[in-house]
Amino acid sequence: MRTAIGTIAILMVVCSVAAQAQILKCVGRDGKIEFATSCPAGTKQQDTGVSNKPVATPPAAKGGETKSTAPQSLADRDAEFRKRQADQKDAAAKSDQKASESTERQRACDSAKGNLQALKDRQRMYRMDPKTGERVVYEEMDYVRELPVVERQVSENCKA
């Protein structure tokens, strides 16, 4: 049992060392190709580009400008973070504003359609008398006069 555990421990150490190495392409004199971490004697060594080392990324170009690959200071990172937060807040506020405008437009459309249907059905409707402040029942002329006004409201508020 101890031997098995010892063997496993040694294999783990060897595998971790091998995992950190660069892989090379070894071409023998007879043209036989092998891949290994180190090439044996009498073979030609070629780099495969496979390694566990992090690759330095080229600077990103944005509008012809190149960003510095030097680490940013804490103040710069904090300023960028705050800018991203402000941009997200602005985007959320615009989205909320659009949603509320859309909801209000839909409510106005539904109201105008309801008024139009009531006018067409000649339902009993009232208006306020500006002089006395009392409710006055619509007469036939009121229905005829209000119909084009409400149709215009429907066309304005119910645009797709």
N, C-alpha and C. Protein backbone atom coordinates (compact mmCIF):
# COMPACT_ATOMS: atom_id res chain seq x y z
N MET A 1 0.83 -1.20 0.00
CA MET A 1 0.00 0.00 0.00
C MET A 1 0.88 1.26 0.00
N ARG A 2 1.92 1.25 0.83
CA ARG A 2 2.82 2.40 0.88
C ARG A 2 3.54 2.59 -0.45
N THR A 3 3.85 1.52 -1.09
CA THR A 3 4.54 1.59 -2.37
C THR A 3 3.64 2.25 -3.42
N ALA A 4 2.35 1.90 -3.42
CA ALA A 4 1.42 2.48 -4.38
C ALA A 4 1.26 3.98 -4.14
N ILE A 5 1.16 4.37 -2.89
CA ILE A 5 1.02 5.80 -2.57
C ILE A 5 2.29 6.55 -2.95
N GLY A 6 3.44 5.96 -2.68
CA GLY A 6 4.72 6.58 -3.05
C GLY A 6 4.85 6.73 -4.55
N THR A 7 4.44 5.70 -5.28
CA THR A 7 4.50 5.74 -6.74
C THR A 7 3.58 6.83 -7.29
N ILE A 8 2.40 6.92 -6.74
CA ILE A 8 1.46 7.97 -7.18
C ILE A 8 2.02 9.35 -6.88
N ALA A 9 2.62 9.53 -5.72
CA ALA A 9 3.20 10.83 -5.36
C ALA A 9 4.31 11.21 -6.32
N ILE A 10 5.17 10.24 -6.66
CA ILE A 10 6.27 10.53 -7.59
C ILE A 10 5.72 10.87 -8.98
N LEU A 11 4.71 10.13 -9.44
CA LEU A 11 4.09 10.42 -10.74
C LEU A 11 3.49 11.83 -10.77
N MET A 12 2.86 12.23 -9.68
CA MET A 12 2.26 13.57 -9.63
C MET A 12 3.33 14.65 -9.72
N VAL A 13 4.45 14.46 -9.04
CA VAL A 13 5.53 15.44 -9.10
C VAL A 13 6.11 15.49 -10.50
N VAL A 14 6.34 14.33 -11.12
CA VAL A 14 6.90 14.30 -12.47
C VAL A 14 5.93 14.93 -13.47
N CYS A 15 4.64 14.63 -13.34
CA CYS A 15 3.65 15.21 -14.26
C CYS A 15 3.56 16.72 -14.12
N SER A 16 3.66 17.22 -12.88
CA SER A 16 3.57 18.67 -12.71
C SER A 16 4.78 19.37 -13.29
N VAL A 17 5.97 18.74 -13.21
CA VAL A 17 7.17 19.31 -13.81
C VAL A 17 7.04 19.29 -15.32
N ALA A 18 6.52 18.20 -15.87
CA ALA A 18 6.37 18.08 -17.31
C ALA A 18 5.32 19.05 -17.84
N ALA A 19 4.33 19.33 -17.03
CA ALA A 19 3.27 20.23 -17.47
C ALA A 19 3.77 21.66 -17.62
N GLN A 20 4.86 22.00 -16.93
CA GLN A 20 5.37 23.36 -16.99
C GLN A 20 6.36 23.56 -18.13
N ALA A 21 6.70 22.51 -18.84
CA ALA A 21 7.72 22.60 -19.88
C ALA A 21 7.12 23.00 -21.21
N GLN A 22 8.02 23.41 -22.10
CA GLN A 22 7.63 23.74 -23.46
C GLN A 22 7.71 22.48 -24.32
N ILE A 23 6.78 22.33 -25.24
CA ILE A 23 6.78 21.16 -26.11
C ILE A 23 7.55 21.49 -27.38
N LEU A 24 8.47 20.59 -27.73
CA LEU A 24 9.33 20.79 -28.90
C LEU A 24 9.04 19.71 -29.93
N LYS A 25 9.32 20.04 -31.18
CA LYS A 25 9.19 19.07 -32.28
C LYS A 25 10.61 18.60 -32.60
N CYS A 26 10.81 17.29 -32.48
CA CYS A 26 12.14 16.72 -32.71
C CYS A 26 12.10 15.92 -34.01
N VAL A 27 12.95 16.30 -34.98
CA VAL A 27 13.00 15.63 -36.28
C VAL A 27 14.30 14.83 -36.33
N GLY A 28 14.17 13.50 -36.48
CA GLY A 28 15.35 12.63 -36.54
C GLY A 28 15.98 12.65 -37.92
N ARG A 29 17.17 11.98 -38.03
CA ARG A 29 17.90 11.94 -39.31
C ARG A 29 17.09 11.21 -40.38
N ASP A 30 16.26 10.24 -39.96
CA ASP A 30 15.46 9.48 -40.92
C ASP A 30 14.13 10.16 -41.23
N GLY A 31 13.90 11.35 -40.68
CA GLY A 31 12.67 12.09 -40.95
C GLY A 31 11.55 11.79 -39.97
N LYS A 32 11.81 10.94 -39.00
CA LYS A 32 10.82 10.60 -37.99
C LYS A 32 10.62 11.80 -37.06
N ILE A 33 9.35 12.12 -36.80
CA ILE A 33 9.03 13.28 -35.98
C ILE A 33 8.52 12.80 -34.62
N GLU A 34 9.06 13.42 -33.57
CA GLU A 34 8.62 13.15 -32.20
C GLU A 34 8.35 14.48 -31.52
N PHE A 35 7.47 14.45 -30.55
CA PHE A 35 7.20 15.64 -29.73
C PHE A 35 7.62 15.33 -28.31
N ALA A 36 8.42 16.22 -27.73
CA ALA A 36 8.94 15.99 -26.38
C ALA A 36 9.28 17.32 -25.73
N THR A 37 9.60 17.27 -24.43
CA THR A 37 10.01 18.49 -23.74
C THR A 37 11.48 18.79 -23.98
N SER A 38 12.24 17.75 -24.32
CA SER A 38 13.64 17.95 -24.72
C SER A 38 13.96 16.93 -25.80
N CYS A 39 14.69 17.36 -26.81
CA CYS A 39 14.98 16.47 -27.94
C CYS A 39 16.20 15.60 -27.62
N PRO A 40 16.15 14.32 -28.01
CA PRO A 40 17.32 13.45 -27.80
C PRO A 40 18.47 13.84 -28.74
N ALA A 41 19.65 13.31 -28.44
CA ALA A 41 20.84 13.61 -29.25
C ALA A 41 20.64 13.09 -30.67
N GLY A 42 21.12 13.82 -31.65
CA GLY A 42 21.03 13.41 -33.04
C GLY A 42 19.74 13.83 -33.72
N THR A 43 18.91 14.62 -33.09
CA THR A 43 17.66 15.10 -33.70
C THR A 43 17.71 16.61 -33.82
N LYS A 44 16.94 17.12 -34.76
CA LYS A 44 16.87 18.56 -34.97
C LYS A 44 15.67 19.10 -34.19
N GLN A 45 15.91 20.12 -33.41
CA GLN A 45 14.88 20.70 -32.54
C GLN A 45 14.16 21.84 -33.25
N GLN A 46 12.80 21.82 -33.21
CA GLN A 46 11.99 22.90 -33.76
C GLN A 46 10.97 23.31 -32.71
N ASP A 47 10.74 24.60 -32.62
CA ASP A 47 9.78 25.12 -31.64
C ASP A 47 8.36 24.96 -32.18
N THR A 48 7.44 24.48 -31.33
CA THR A 48 6.04 24.31 -31.73
C THR A 48 5.19 25.50 -31.32
N GLY A 49 5.69 26.29 -30.41
CA GLY A 49 4.90 27.42 -29.92
C GLY A 49 3.95 27.04 -28.80
N VAL A 50 3.97 25.76 -28.39
CA VAL A 50 3.10 25.30 -27.32
C VAL A 50 3.88 25.39 -26.02
N SER A 51 3.36 26.21 -25.10
CA SER A 51 4.03 26.41 -23.82
C SER A 51 2.99 26.80 -22.79
N ASN A 52 3.34 26.66 -21.53
CA ASN A 52 2.40 27.07 -20.49
C ASN A 52 2.66 28.51 -20.05
N LYS A 53 3.66 29.13 -20.65
CA LYS A 53 3.96 30.52 -20.32
C LYS A 53 2.88 31.42 -20.92
N PRO A 54 2.43 32.44 -20.18
CA PRO A 54 1.43 33.34 -20.75
C PRO A 54 2.02 34.14 -21.89
N VAL A 55 1.26 34.30 -22.94
CA VAL A 55 1.69 35.03 -24.12
C VAL A 55 1.38 36.50 -23.92
N ALA A 56 2.35 37.33 -24.23
CA ALA A 56 2.11 38.77 -24.14
C ALA A 56 1.16 39.17 -25.25
N THR A 57 0.08 39.85 -24.89
CA THR A 57 -0.90 40.26 -25.88
C THR A 57 -0.46 41.57 -26.51
N PRO A 58 -0.64 41.69 -27.81
CA PRO A 58 -0.27 42.95 -28.47
C PRO A 58 -1.23 44.04 -28.03
N PRO A 59 -0.76 45.29 -28.04
CA PRO A 59 -1.65 46.38 -27.64
C PRO A 59 -2.85 46.47 -28.56
N ALA A 60 -4.02 46.70 -27.97
CA ALA A 60 -5.26 46.80 -28.75
C ALA A 60 -5.34 48.17 -29.39
N ALA A 61 -5.75 48.18 -30.63
CA ALA A 61 -5.88 49.44 -31.36
C ALA A 61 -7.34 49.87 -31.35
N LYS A 62 -7.55 51.12 -30.98
CA LYS A 62 -8.91 51.66 -30.97
C LYS A 62 -8.84 53.04 -31.60
N GLY A 63 -9.38 53.12 -32.80
CA GLY A 63 -9.37 54.40 -33.50
C GLY A 63 -7.97 54.88 -33.82
N GLY A 64 -7.04 53.93 -34.05
CA GLY A 64 -5.68 54.33 -34.39
C GLY A 64 -4.80 54.53 -33.17
N GLU A 65 -5.38 54.51 -31.96
CA GLU A 65 -4.60 54.69 -30.75
C GLU A 65 -4.22 53.33 -30.20
N THR A 66 -3.08 53.28 -29.53
CA THR A 66 -2.68 52.04 -28.88
C THR A 66 -2.72 52.25 -27.38
N LYS A 67 -3.21 51.23 -26.67
CA LYS A 67 -3.26 51.32 -25.22
C LYS A 67 -1.93 50.86 -24.66
N SER A 68 -1.55 51.40 -23.56
CA SER A 68 -0.33 51.01 -22.90
C SER A 68 -0.54 49.65 -22.23
N THR A 69 0.48 48.78 -22.32
CA THR A 69 0.37 47.49 -21.67
C THR A 69 0.85 47.55 -20.23
N ALA A 70 1.34 48.71 -19.80
CA ALA A 70 1.78 48.86 -18.42
C ALA A 70 0.57 48.78 -17.49
N PRO A 71 0.77 48.22 -16.30
CA PRO A 71 -0.36 48.13 -15.37
C PRO A 71 -0.86 49.52 -14.99
N GLN A 72 -2.16 49.62 -14.85
CA GLN A 72 -2.75 50.90 -14.51
C GLN A 72 -2.67 51.11 -13.00
N SER A 73 -2.66 52.36 -12.62
CA SER A 73 -2.65 52.64 -11.19
C SER A 73 -4.04 52.38 -10.62
N LEU A 74 -4.11 52.30 -9.32
CA LEU A 74 -5.37 52.04 -8.64
C LEU A 74 -6.35 53.18 -8.90
N ALA A 75 -5.85 54.40 -8.96
CA ALA A 75 -6.73 55.55 -9.22
C ALA A 75 -7.32 55.48 -10.63
N ASP A 76 -6.51 55.06 -11.62
CA ASP A 76 -7.01 54.93 -12.99
C ASP A 76 -8.08 53.85 -13.08
N ARG A 77 -7.82 52.71 -12.45
CA ARG A 77 -8.80 51.64 -12.47
C ARG A 77 -10.09 52.06 -11.77
N ASP A 78 -9.95 52.78 -10.66
CA ASP A 78 -11.14 53.26 -9.94
C ASP A 78 -11.93 54.24 -10.78
N ALA A 79 -11.24 55.13 -11.49
CA ALA A 79 -11.92 56.09 -12.36
C ALA A 79 -12.66 55.38 -13.49
N GLU A 80 -12.03 54.37 -14.08
CA GLU A 80 -12.70 53.60 -15.15
C GLU A 80 -13.91 52.87 -14.61
N PHE A 81 -13.79 52.30 -13.41
CA PHE A 81 -14.91 51.60 -12.79
C PHE A 81 -16.08 52.55 -12.55
N ARG A 82 -15.77 53.73 -12.01
CA ARG A 82 -16.84 54.71 -11.76
C ARG A 82 -17.49 55.18 -13.07
N LYS A 83 -16.69 55.31 -14.12
CA LYS A 83 -17.24 55.71 -15.42
C LYS A 83 -18.17 54.62 -15.95
N ARG A 84 -17.76 53.36 -15.84
CA ARG A 84 -18.62 52.26 -16.27
C ARG A 84 -19.92 52.23 -15.46
N GLN A 85 -19.82 52.48 -14.16
CA GLN A 85 -21.03 52.52 -13.33
C GLN A 85 -21.96 53.64 -13.77
N ALA A 86 -21.40 54.82 -14.03
CA ALA A 86 -22.22 55.95 -14.47
C ALA A 86 -22.87 55.66 -15.82
N ASP A 87 -22.11 55.04 -16.73
CA ASP A 87 -22.67 54.69 -18.04
C ASP A 87 -23.81 53.69 -17.89
N GLN A 88 -23.65 52.72 -17.00
CA GLN A 88 -24.71 51.74 -16.78
C GLN A 88 -25.94 52.40 -16.18
N LYS A 89 -25.75 53.35 -15.26
CA LYS A 89 -26.89 54.06 -14.68
C LYS A 89 -27.62 54.87 -15.75
N ASP A 90 -26.86 55.53 -16.61
CA ASP A 90 -27.47 56.32 -17.68
C ASP A 90 -28.27 55.42 -18.63
N ALA A 91 -27.70 54.28 -18.97
CA ALA A 91 -28.39 53.36 -19.87
C ALA A 91 -29.67 52.83 -19.22
N ALA A 92 -29.60 52.53 -17.92
CA ALA A 92 -30.79 52.04 -17.21
C ALA A 92 -31.85 53.13 -17.13
N ALA A 93 -31.44 54.38 -16.88
CA ALA A 93 -32.40 55.48 -16.81
C ALA A 93 -33.07 55.70 -18.16
N LYS A 94 -32.29 55.64 -19.24
CA LYS A 94 -32.88 55.80 -20.58
C LYS A 94 -33.85 54.67 -20.89
N SER A 95 -33.50 53.47 -20.49
CA SER A 95 -34.36 52.32 -20.72
C SER A 95 -35.67 52.46 -19.94
N ASP A 96 -35.56 52.89 -18.68
CA ASP A 96 -36.76 53.11 -17.87
C ASP A 96 -37.63 54.22 -18.45
N GLN A 97 -37.00 55.29 -18.93
CA GLN A 97 -37.73 56.41 -19.52
C GLN A 97 -38.49 55.95 -20.76
N LYS A 98 -37.81 55.15 -21.61
CA LYS A 98 -38.47 54.63 -22.81
C LYS A 98 -39.64 53.74 -22.46
N ALA A 99 -39.47 52.91 -21.44
CA ALA A 99 -40.53 52.00 -21.03
C ALA A 99 -41.73 52.77 -20.50
N SER A 100 -41.48 53.82 -19.71
CA SER A 100 -42.59 54.60 -19.16
C SER A 100 -43.30 55.39 -20.28
N GLU A 101 -42.53 55.90 -21.24
CA GLU A 101 -43.15 56.60 -22.36
C GLU A 101 -44.00 55.65 -23.20
N SER A 102 -43.50 54.46 -23.40
CA SER A 102 -44.24 53.46 -24.16
C SER A 102 -45.54 53.08 -23.44
N THR A 103 -45.47 52.91 -22.13
CA THR A 103 -46.65 52.58 -21.34
C THR A 103 -47.67 53.72 -21.39
N GLU A 104 -47.20 54.95 -21.27
CA GLU A 104 -48.11 56.11 -21.32
C GLU A 104 -48.75 56.25 -22.70
N ARG A 105 -47.95 56.01 -23.74
CA ARG A 105 -48.48 56.08 -25.11
C ARG A 105 -49.56 55.02 -25.32
N GLN A 106 -49.33 53.82 -24.80
CA GLN A 106 -50.31 52.74 -24.93
C GLN A 106 -51.59 53.08 -24.17
N ARG A 107 -51.45 53.68 -22.98
CA ARG A 107 -52.62 54.08 -22.20
C ARG A 107 -53.43 55.15 -22.93
N ALA A 108 -52.73 56.13 -23.52
CA ALA A 108 -53.41 57.19 -24.27
C ALA A 108 -54.10 56.61 -25.51
N CYS A 109 -53.47 55.65 -26.16
CA CYS A 109 -54.07 55.01 -27.33
C CYS A 109 -55.36 54.27 -26.94
N ASP A 110 -55.29 53.49 -25.87
CA ASP A 110 -56.47 52.75 -25.42
C ASP A 110 -57.60 53.70 -25.03
N SER A 111 -57.25 54.79 -24.36
CA SER A 111 -58.26 55.77 -23.95
C SER A 111 -58.92 56.43 -25.18
N ALA A 112 -58.10 56.80 -26.16
CA ALA A 112 -58.63 57.44 -27.36
C ALA A 112 -59.52 56.48 -28.14
N LYS A 113 -59.11 55.21 -28.22
CA LYS A 113 -59.94 54.22 -28.92
C LYS A 113 -61.27 54.02 -28.20
N GLY A 114 -61.23 54.01 -26.88
CA GLY A 114 -62.47 53.88 -26.10
C GLY A 114 -63.39 55.06 -26.33
N ASN A 115 -62.84 56.27 -26.34
CA ASN A 115 -63.64 57.46 -26.60
C ASN A 115 -64.24 57.44 -28.00
N LEU A 116 -63.45 57.00 -28.98
CA LEU A 116 -63.93 56.93 -30.36
C LEU A 116 -65.10 55.94 -30.47
N GLN A 117 -64.96 54.80 -29.85
CA GLN A 117 -66.03 53.80 -29.90
C GLN A 117 -67.29 54.32 -29.21
N ALA A 118 -67.10 55.03 -28.10
CA ALA A 118 -68.26 55.58 -27.39
C ALA A 118 -68.96 56.63 -28.24
N LEU A 119 -68.18 57.45 -28.95
CA LEU A 119 -68.79 58.45 -29.83
C LEU A 119 -69.54 57.78 -30.98
N LYS A 120 -68.95 56.75 -31.57
CA LYS A 120 -69.60 56.07 -32.69
C LYS A 120 -70.87 55.35 -32.24
N ASP A 121 -70.88 54.81 -31.03
CA ASP A 121 -72.05 54.10 -30.51
C ASP A 121 -73.09 55.05 -29.92
N ARG A 122 -72.75 56.33 -29.91
CA ARG A 122 -73.64 57.36 -29.36
C ARG A 122 -74.01 57.08 -27.90
N GLN A 123 -72.99 56.64 -27.15
CA GLN A 123 -73.23 56.43 -25.73
C GLN A 123 -73.41 57.78 -25.05
N ARG A 124 -74.07 57.76 -23.91
CA ARG A 124 -74.31 59.02 -23.19
C ARG A 124 -72.98 59.55 -22.69
N MET A 125 -72.65 60.75 -23.13
CA MET A 125 -71.39 61.38 -22.75
C MET A 125 -71.69 62.76 -22.21
N TYR A 126 -70.76 63.25 -21.41
CA TYR A 126 -70.92 64.56 -20.77
C TYR A 126 -69.71 65.42 -21.07
N ARG A 127 -69.96 66.73 -20.97
CA ARG A 127 -68.87 67.70 -21.01
C ARG A 127 -69.16 68.72 -19.92
N MET A 128 -68.15 69.41 -19.50
CA MET A 128 -68.33 70.41 -18.44
C MET A 128 -68.62 71.77 -19.08
N ASP A 129 -69.63 72.42 -18.59
CA ASP A 129 -69.96 73.77 -19.05
C ASP A 129 -68.96 74.73 -18.41
N PRO A 130 -68.21 75.48 -19.22
CA PRO A 130 -67.17 76.34 -18.66
C PRO A 130 -67.73 77.50 -17.82
N LYS A 131 -68.94 77.91 -18.09
CA LYS A 131 -69.51 79.05 -17.35
C LYS A 131 -70.04 78.62 -15.99
N THR A 132 -70.77 77.52 -15.96
CA THR A 132 -71.42 77.10 -14.71
C THR A 132 -70.67 75.98 -14.00
N GLY A 133 -69.84 75.21 -14.72
CA GLY A 133 -69.11 74.11 -14.12
C GLY A 133 -69.97 72.86 -13.97
N GLU A 134 -71.16 72.87 -14.58
CA GLU A 134 -72.05 71.71 -14.49
C GLU A 134 -71.82 70.78 -15.67
N ARG A 135 -72.25 69.50 -15.49
CA ARG A 135 -72.16 68.55 -16.57
C ARG A 135 -73.32 68.76 -17.53
N VAL A 136 -72.99 68.73 -18.83
CA VAL A 136 -74.00 68.90 -19.87
C VAL A 136 -73.93 67.65 -20.75
N VAL A 137 -75.08 67.03 -21.02
CA VAL A 137 -75.14 65.83 -21.85
C VAL A 137 -74.89 66.22 -23.30
N TYR A 138 -74.13 65.37 -24.02
CA TYR A 138 -73.84 65.62 -25.42
C TYR A 138 -75.13 65.59 -26.23
N GLU A 139 -75.18 66.50 -27.17
CA GLU A 139 -76.26 66.49 -28.16
C GLU A 139 -75.66 65.99 -29.47
N GLU A 140 -76.51 65.79 -30.48
CA GLU A 140 -76.04 65.21 -31.75
C GLU A 140 -74.91 66.04 -32.36
N MET A 141 -74.99 67.35 -32.28
CA MET A 141 -73.94 68.22 -32.84
C MET A 141 -72.61 68.03 -32.10
N ASP A 142 -72.68 67.76 -30.80
CA ASP A 142 -71.45 67.51 -30.03
C ASP A 142 -70.75 66.24 -30.51
N TYR A 143 -71.56 65.19 -30.80
CA TYR A 143 -70.97 63.94 -31.30
C TYR A 143 -70.30 64.18 -32.66
N VAL A 144 -70.97 64.91 -33.54
CA VAL A 144 -70.42 65.19 -34.88
C VAL A 144 -69.16 66.04 -34.77
N ARG A 145 -69.15 66.99 -33.86
CA ARG A 145 -68.00 67.89 -33.70
C ARG A 145 -66.81 67.15 -33.07
N GLU A 146 -67.05 66.27 -32.14
CA GLU A 146 -65.97 65.59 -31.42
C GLU A 146 -65.37 64.41 -32.18
N LEU A 147 -66.13 63.82 -33.10
CA LEU A 147 -65.68 62.63 -33.81
C LEU A 147 -64.34 62.84 -34.54
N PRO A 148 -64.15 63.89 -35.35
CA PRO A 148 -62.85 64.07 -36.02
C PRO A 148 -61.71 64.35 -35.03
N VAL A 149 -62.03 65.03 -33.92
CA VAL A 149 -61.00 65.33 -32.92
C VAL A 149 -60.47 64.03 -32.31
N VAL A 150 -61.38 63.14 -31.94
CA VAL A 150 -60.99 61.88 -31.31
C VAL A 150 -60.31 60.96 -32.33
N GLU A 151 -60.74 60.99 -33.58
CA GLU A 151 -60.07 60.18 -34.61
C GLU A 151 -58.63 60.64 -34.79
N ARG A 152 -58.39 61.94 -34.73
CA ARG A 152 -57.02 62.47 -34.82
C ARG A 152 -56.20 62.03 -33.60
N GLN A 153 -56.81 62.03 -32.41
CA GLN A 153 -56.11 61.58 -31.21
C GLN A 153 -55.72 60.10 -31.33
N VAL A 154 -56.61 59.29 -31.89
CA VAL A 154 -56.30 57.87 -32.08
C VAL A 154 -55.13 57.72 -33.04
N SER A 155 -55.14 58.47 -34.15
CA SER A 155 -54.06 58.34 -35.13
C SER A 155 -52.73 58.82 -34.55
N GLU A 156 -52.75 59.84 -33.70
CA GLU A 156 -51.50 60.34 -33.10
C GLU A 156 -50.96 59.41 -32.02
N ASN A 157 -51.85 58.89 -31.18
CA ASN A 157 -51.42 58.10 -30.03
C ASN A 157 -51.19 56.61 -30.35
N CYS A 158 -51.74 56.15 -31.45
CA CYS A 158 -51.65 54.72 -31.75
C CYS A 158 -50.73 54.44 -32.93
N LYS A 159 -49.69 55.24 -33.07
CA LYS A 159 -48.69 55.00 -34.11
C LYS A 159 -47.90 53.76 -33.74
N ALA A 160 -47.57 52.96 -34.74
CA ALA A 160 -46.83 51.71 -34.47
C ALA A 160 -45.37 51.97 -34.23
